[in-house]
C-alpha atoms as a PDB file:
ATOM      1  CA  MET A   1      -1.260  11.950 -14.335  1.00  0.00           C
ATOM      2  CA  ARG A   2      -1.185  14.472 -11.062  1.00  0.00           C
ATOM      3  CA  HIS A   3       0.794  17.063 -12.635  1.00  0.00           C
ATOM      4  CA  ALA A   4      -1.501  17.082 -15.439  1.00  0.00           C
ATOM      5  CA  LYS A   5      -4.507  17.707 -12.961  1.00  0.00           C
ATOM      6  CA  GLY A   6      -4.781  21.108 -13.381  1.00  0.00           C
ATOM      7  CA  ASP A   7      -4.640  20.962 -17.369  1.00  0.00           C
ATOM      8  CA  ILE A   8      -7.246  18.150 -17.057  1.00  0.00           C
ATOM      9  CA  GLU A   9      -9.854  20.235 -14.945  1.00  0.00           C
ATOM     10  CA  ASP A  10      -9.525  22.892 -17.160  1.00  0.00           C
ATOM     11  CA  ALA A  11     -10.269  21.225 -19.999  1.00  0.00           C
ATOM     12  CA  GLY A  12     -13.196  20.111 -18.502  1.00  0.00           C
ATOM     13  CA  GLY A  13     -12.509  16.327 -17.249  1.00  0.00           C
ATOM     14  CA  ARG A  14     -12.578  14.715 -13.743  1.00  0.00           C
ATOM     15  CA  VAL A  15     -10.442  12.069 -13.135  1.00  0.00           C
ATOM     16  CA  LEU A  16     -11.964   8.808 -11.165  1.00  0.00           C
ATOM     17  CA  LEU A  17      -9.800   6.205 -10.587  1.00  0.00           C
ATOM     18  CA  VAL A  18     -10.780   2.041 -10.214  1.00  0.00           C
ATOM     19  CA  GLY A  19      -8.651  -0.150  -8.461  1.00  0.00           C
ATOM     20  CA  MET A  20      -9.306  -3.945  -7.709  1.00  0.00           C
ATOM     21  CA  GLY A  21      -8.126  -3.360  -3.790  1.00  0.00           C
ATOM     22  CA  SER A  22     -10.555  -3.642  -0.585  1.00  0.00           C
ATOM     23  CA  GLU A  23     -11.761  -0.294   1.029  1.00  0.00           C
ATOM     24  CA  SER A  24      -8.640  -0.182   3.563  1.00  0.00           C
ATOM     25  CA  VAL A  25      -6.015  -1.331   0.660  1.00  0.00           C
ATOM     26  CA  THR A  26      -7.490   1.683  -1.472  1.00  0.00           C
ATOM     27  CA  ARG A  27      -7.637   4.515   1.612  1.00  0.00           C
ATOM     28  CA  GLU A  28      -3.871   3.150   2.091  1.00  0.00           C
ATOM     29  CA  PHE A  29      -3.076   3.410  -1.841  1.00  0.00           C
ATOM     30  CA  ILE A  30      -4.382   6.953  -1.717  1.00  0.00           C
ATOM     31  CA  ALA A  31      -2.339   7.938   1.338  1.00  0.00           C
ATOM     32  CA  ARG A  32       0.880   6.142   0.318  1.00  0.00           C
ATOM     33  CA  PHE A  33       0.915   7.763  -2.841  1.00  0.00           C
ATOM     34  CA  ASP A  34      -0.629  11.376  -2.122  1.00  0.00           C
ATOM     35  CA  VAL A  35      -3.569  10.469  -4.711  1.00  0.00           C
ATOM     36  CA  PRO A  36      -5.291  13.685  -5.496  1.00  0.00           C
ATOM     37  CA  PHE A  37      -8.390  11.803  -7.370  1.00  0.00           C
ATOM     38  CA  PRO A  38     -11.106  10.163  -5.845  1.00  0.00           C
ATOM     39  CA  MET A  39     -10.789   6.383  -6.300  1.00  0.00           C
ATOM     40  CA  VAL A  40     -13.365   3.442  -6.049  1.00  0.00           C
ATOM     41  CA  CYS A  41     -12.817  -0.110  -5.095  1.00  0.00           C
ATOM     42  CA  ASP A  42     -13.935  -2.645  -7.427  1.00  0.00           C
ATOM     43  CA  PRO A  43     -12.621  -5.862  -5.842  1.00  0.00           C
ATOM     44  CA  ASP A  44     -15.205  -8.409  -7.905  1.00  0.00           C
ATOM     45  CA  GLN A  45     -14.207  -6.296 -11.058  1.00  0.00           C
ATOM     46  CA  HIS A  46     -17.502  -5.354 -12.170  1.00  0.00           C
ATOM     47  CA  LEU A  47     -16.490  -2.079 -13.752  1.00  0.00           C
ATOM     48  CA  TYR A  48     -13.475  -3.696 -15.841  1.00  0.00           C
ATOM     49  CA  ARG A  49     -16.167  -6.187 -17.066  1.00  0.00           C
ATOM     50  CA  ASP A  50     -18.765  -3.828 -17.949  1.00  0.00           C
ATOM     51  CA  PHE A  51     -16.374  -1.440 -19.936  1.00  0.00           C
ATOM     52  CA  ALA A  52     -14.434  -5.286 -21.866  1.00  0.00           C
ATOM     53  CA  ILE A  53     -11.255  -4.507 -20.346  1.00  0.00           C
ATOM     54  CA  ASP A  54      -8.968  -7.454 -21.316  1.00  0.00           C
ATOM     55  CA  ARG A  55      -7.074  -9.544 -19.134  1.00  0.00           C
ATOM     56  CA  MET A  56      -3.303 -10.307 -19.775  1.00  0.00           C
ATOM     57  CA  SER A  57      -2.517 -14.214 -21.064  1.00  0.00           C
ATOM     58  CA  PRO A  58      -1.035 -16.218 -18.679  1.00  0.00           C
ATOM     59  CA  LEU A  59       2.114 -16.054 -20.920  1.00  0.00           C
ATOM     60  CA  GLY A  60       2.308 -12.353 -20.752  1.00  0.00           C
ATOM     61  CA  PHE A  61       4.224 -12.357 -17.806  1.00  0.00           C
ATOM     62  CA  LEU A  62       6.901 -14.215 -19.478  1.00  0.00           C
ATOM     63  CA  SER A  63       7.326 -11.567 -22.769  1.00  0.00           C
ATOM     64  CA  PRO A  64      10.593  -9.758 -22.940  1.00  0.00           C
ATOM     65  CA  THR A  65       8.794  -6.525 -23.077  1.00  0.00           C
ATOM     66  CA  MET A  66       6.752  -7.206 -19.835  1.00  0.00           C
ATOM     67  CA  ALA A  67      10.329  -7.969 -18.180  1.00  0.00           C
ATOM     68  CA  LEU A  68      12.197  -4.992 -19.713  1.00  0.00           C
ATOM     69  CA  ARG A  69       9.439  -2.500 -18.448  1.00  0.00           C
ATOM     70  CA  GLY A  70       9.512  -4.159 -14.640  1.00  0.00           C
ATOM     71  CA  ILE A  71      13.236  -3.431 -14.652  1.00  0.00           C
ATOM     72  CA  ALA A  72      13.154   0.091 -15.720  1.00  0.00           C
ATOM     73  CA  ALA A  73      10.316   0.889 -13.552  1.00  0.00           C
ATOM     74  CA  MET A  74      12.454  -0.462 -10.414  1.00  0.00           C
ATOM     75  CA  ALA A  75      15.421   1.695 -11.975  1.00  0.00           C
ATOM     76  CA  ASP A  76      13.100   4.450 -11.850  1.00  0.00           C
ATOM     77  CA  GLY A  77      12.610   3.584  -8.071  1.00  0.00           C
ATOM     78  CA  HIS A  78       9.240   2.634  -8.174  1.00  0.00           C
ATOM     79  CA  THR A  79       8.896  -0.430  -6.465  1.00  0.00           C
ATOM     80  CA  MET A  80       6.067  -3.451  -6.290  1.00  0.00           C
ATOM     81  CA  GLY A  81       3.984  -4.660  -3.513  1.00  0.00           C
ATOM     82  CA  LEU A  82       1.970  -7.589  -2.890  1.00  0.00           C
ATOM     83  CA  PRO A  83      -0.588  -8.043  -5.646  1.00  0.00           C
ATOM     84  CA  GLU A  84      -4.092  -7.090  -4.714  1.00  0.00           C
ATOM     85  CA  GLY A  85      -7.155  -8.301  -6.870  1.00  0.00           C
ATOM     86  CA  ASP A  86      -6.721 -10.028 -10.457  1.00  0.00           C
ATOM     87  CA  VAL A  87      -2.729  -9.648 -11.250  1.00  0.00           C
ATOM     88  CA  ARG A  88      -3.639 -10.282 -14.966  1.00  0.00           C
ATOM     89  CA  GLN A  89      -6.251  -7.417 -14.895  1.00  0.00           C
ATOM     90  CA  LEU A  90      -5.108  -5.020 -17.638  1.00  0.00           C
ATOM     91  CA  PRO A  91      -5.827  -1.266 -17.134  1.00  0.00           C
ATOM     92  CA  GLY A  92      -7.920   0.797 -19.401  1.00  0.00           C
ATOM     93  CA  VAL A  93      -8.497   4.653 -19.706  1.00  0.00           C
ATOM     94  CA  MET A  94     -11.583   6.177 -21.165  1.00  0.00           C
ATOM     95  CA  ILE A  95     -13.294   9.429 -21.311  1.00  0.00           C
ATOM     96  CA  ILE A  96     -16.937   9.761 -21.102  1.00  0.00           C
ATOM     97  CA  ASP A  97     -18.934  12.638 -21.732  1.00  0.00           C
ATOM     98  CA  SER A  98     -21.833  14.208 -19.786  1.00  0.00           C
ATOM     99  CA  GLU A  99     -24.453  11.997 -21.776  1.00  0.00           C
ATOM    100  CA  GLY A 100     -22.614   8.612 -21.073  1.00  0.00           C
ATOM    101  CA  THR A 101     -20.596   8.430 -24.499  1.00  0.00           C
ATOM    102  CA  ILE A 102     -17.093   6.805 -24.407  1.00  0.00           C
ATOM    103  CA  ARG A 103     -15.585   9.987 -26.551  1.00  0.00           C
ATOM    104  CA  PHE A 104     -11.882   8.123 -26.250  1.00  0.00           C
ATOM    105  CA  ARG A 105     -10.771   4.823 -24.892  1.00  0.00           C
ATOM    106  CA  HIS A 106      -7.340   3.760 -24.532  1.00  0.00           C
ATOM    107  CA  ASP A 107      -7.042  -0.402 -23.728  1.00  0.00           C
ATOM    108  CA  GLY A 108      -3.499  -1.216 -21.866  1.00  0.00           C
ATOM    109  CA  GLU A 109      -1.293  -4.287 -23.657  1.00  0.00           C
ATOM    110  CA  GLY A 110       0.076  -4.592 -20.190  1.00  0.00           C
ATOM    111  CA  PRO A 111       0.069  -3.472 -16.520  1.00  0.00           C
ATOM    112  CA  ALA A 112       1.651  -0.088 -17.023  1.00  0.00           C
ATOM    113  CA  ASP A 113       0.428   0.681 -20.375  1.00  0.00           C
ATOM    114  CA  HIS A 114      -1.510   4.427 -19.956  1.00  0.00           C
ATOM    115  CA  PRO A 115      -1.889   7.045 -22.485  1.00  0.00           C
ATOM    116  CA  ALA A 116       0.318  10.134 -21.738  1.00  0.00           C
ATOM    117  CA  PRO A 117      -1.753  12.768 -19.510  1.00  0.00           C
ATOM    118  CA  GLU A 118      -1.147  15.482 -22.381  1.00  0.00           C
ATOM    119  CA  THR A 119      -3.130  12.951 -24.814  1.00  0.00           C
ATOM    120  CA  LEU A 120      -5.897  13.303 -22.484  1.00  0.00           C
ATOM    121  CA  VAL A 121      -5.753  16.931 -22.162  1.00  0.00           C
ATOM    122  CA  ARG A 122      -5.558  17.270 -25.833  1.00  0.00           C
ATOM    123  CA  VAL A 123      -8.637  15.051 -26.523  1.00  0.00           C
ATOM    124  CA  LEU A 124     -10.618  16.848 -23.742  1.00  0.00           C
ATOM    125  CA  ARG A 125     -10.007  19.835 -25.378  1.00  0.00           C
ATOM    126  CA  ASP A 126     -11.039  18.714 -28.806  1.00  0.00           C
ATOM    127  CA  ILE A 127     -14.555  17.185 -26.758  1.00  0.00           C
ATOM    128  CA  LYS A 128     -14.731  20.806 -25.357  1.00  0.00           C
ATOM    129  CA  ALA A 129     -14.368  22.608 -28.255  1.00  0.00           C
ATOM    130  CA  ASP A 130     -16.799  20.124 -30.200  1.00  0.00           C
ATOM    131  CA  VAL A 131     -19.475  20.694 -27.612  1.00  0.00           C
ATOM    132  CA  THR A 132     -18.979  24.586 -27.644  1.00  0.00           C
ATOM    133  CA  SER A 133     -19.127  25.179 -31.338  1.00  0.00           C
ATOM    134  CA  ASP A 134     -22.235  22.874 -32.086  1.00  0.00           C
ATOM    135  CA  PRO A 135     -24.820  25.186 -33.145  1.00  0.00           C
ATOM    136  CA  MET A 136     -27.961  25.492 -29.947  1.00  0.00           C
ATOM    137  CA  PRO A 137     -30.778  23.506 -31.472  1.00  0.00           C
ATOM    138  CA  ALA A 138     -33.482  25.435 -32.986  1.00  0.00           C
END
């Protein structure tokens, strides 16, 4: 997503990451991966529950799809560290407008299931176009 940061901001979006790690783990993550976005800690998973983001079933780890994605990630040079937080928690991506309305939602089906940044930019541009084309109230 880092490569789309400028496009996201140009489309009117701001990225906020939520992680389950402690403050120190979050700081280490930001430094290690040079994360260009603000990140909040949610070790008790309040936001995950508030936004009703699902958890993977215990059998989810045994699926062939999960194994193949893990192997592909390792082949691309991604390594796994020790897990922090709930390893069954699935990711979620939302675009929330300035009124607090969820305008886009993507519920991950696996730990690495995220929408393409280009999809988020397109949705943000569509929202921005909707807002700017709305006539002013009389």
